[in-house]
Amino acid sequence: MDNPLLNFLSAANEEVNDDLPPIPRPSKEVVLKCQFQEWYPKFKKISIKSKMLVIPDEIIEWLKTGEFLISEEMFPTSKQQKIDILNELDNEEWTDDDEEELIDIKNESQEKTENHEEEEEEEEEENIFGLKKTIAEKWFNKINKIINDYEGAILPKLNWSAPQDSAKLAVNGLKCLNIGDIFFLLKSSDFIMHDLCFAFSECDDETILEKETEDVVLVLRKWYDLLPGNEFRCFVLKNELIAVSSRECAIFYDYVNKNKEIYREKIFSFYKNNIENKFFDIESYIFDVYITRQNKVYLVDFNPFSPVTETLLFSWNDLLIHDDDDDENSNSEDVENSNSEDVSNFEFRIVDQNKVFQPTISPFLNKPIDGFLNFNTKDVIEQMISIQKEHENNNNNNN
């Protein structure tokens, strides 16, 4: 899921048409089904290779605290080994692999249940994140094995979110070469904190907070050097693909603009063949895809159809109008025919102009909320225009 606070603030500030249905709030069932460990086994053959480990309770508590101590055991690779790995990795090509990717879910907290005598003998043993060192090392070894299996680099996430808001703090962004890289990103991320503490806070079920979440899972996804312009968010309302937005909202990509109709057909075909009516019994949801250089489509993630998920180049008015249209047409004679027609008539939005200033949410990540809610927008824009004009004048004078 994206940053729910920013998304709800955006939705709250949007003037929703009173004639349209209200902005939906997710149910507990939908949020649970959007957990990685719920949908990935069902769709793993069309998604990015990934493995999972249940995180011990001690490490979950450490992630929630303010402590930021990282052990040497979390950095097993030397500097030269890191350089060699970076030089050898070449993940631009997506390859098919029919081998089953086993989902490795091991609850290490169960292993720490030992007899009383062993606990007394190990009482003086060094702890790592509250775990006995021997147990922590076993868990770290599992992570290291997965990293090695995936050619030395992975992308981490938890049940719902990847630590995208902390990527700019790390040398390699979201690419992790060892355990230290992984926990640095997780510990620095507000998105991860939301997964751990507030995953159900915006649900419409009043009983949602009475139950604890499922196991907290560390997901390790094989690293690929993805083209940012080839990631797309798809909106499904009442089992109909109604809209697709580029995940990149600030940068114009000429090749994406030229291939827009090809991408439209690829996404629609992928949805019809692999997703439609297959995401459990949920009718409205959001899913993300990536299109490779060879125009092959891969599933990246599922999200609730609600303000906890960014709508990117669309507003909620844009999306909800489809629901209103469906209600008006529900009694028409064309409904039966429309269901049988495979026509990719959804709205597809990308950044299609190179001269348009596009806002992006990333500059506001990890910033105090009042730092961008209380400024005078008009003054800021005027200052930016003034700075740009001064920059252009300086360039002209130098020429």
Foldseek 3Di string as FASTA:
>chain_A
DPALVVLVVQQVPDDADPLFDDFDFAAPVQLQLQFCVNCCVVAVQQAFQKAKEFDEPLQLVVLLDPDDDDDPLFPPDDPVRVVVLVVPDDFQDDDHDPDDRDHDYDHLNVVVDDDPVVCVVCVVADDDSNHGPVSVSVVQVVVLVVCVVLSQWWFKDKRRDGLQLCQVVDPRRRIDRTRVSRSVSSSPGPVNVCVSPPSCVRHPDPCVVVDDHDGIMIMTGRDHPADQQFKKKWWFAQQRTAEIERPDFFADDPVCLVCVVVLLVLVLVCCVVPPRCSSPNDRTWMWMWGAHPVRRIGTYGIGGSGSSDDPRPDHVNRVRVVVVVCVVCVPPPCPVVVVPDSDSPHYYDYPHDRPDGTDDCNVCRPPPPCVPPPDDVVVVVVVVVVVVVVVVVVVVVVD
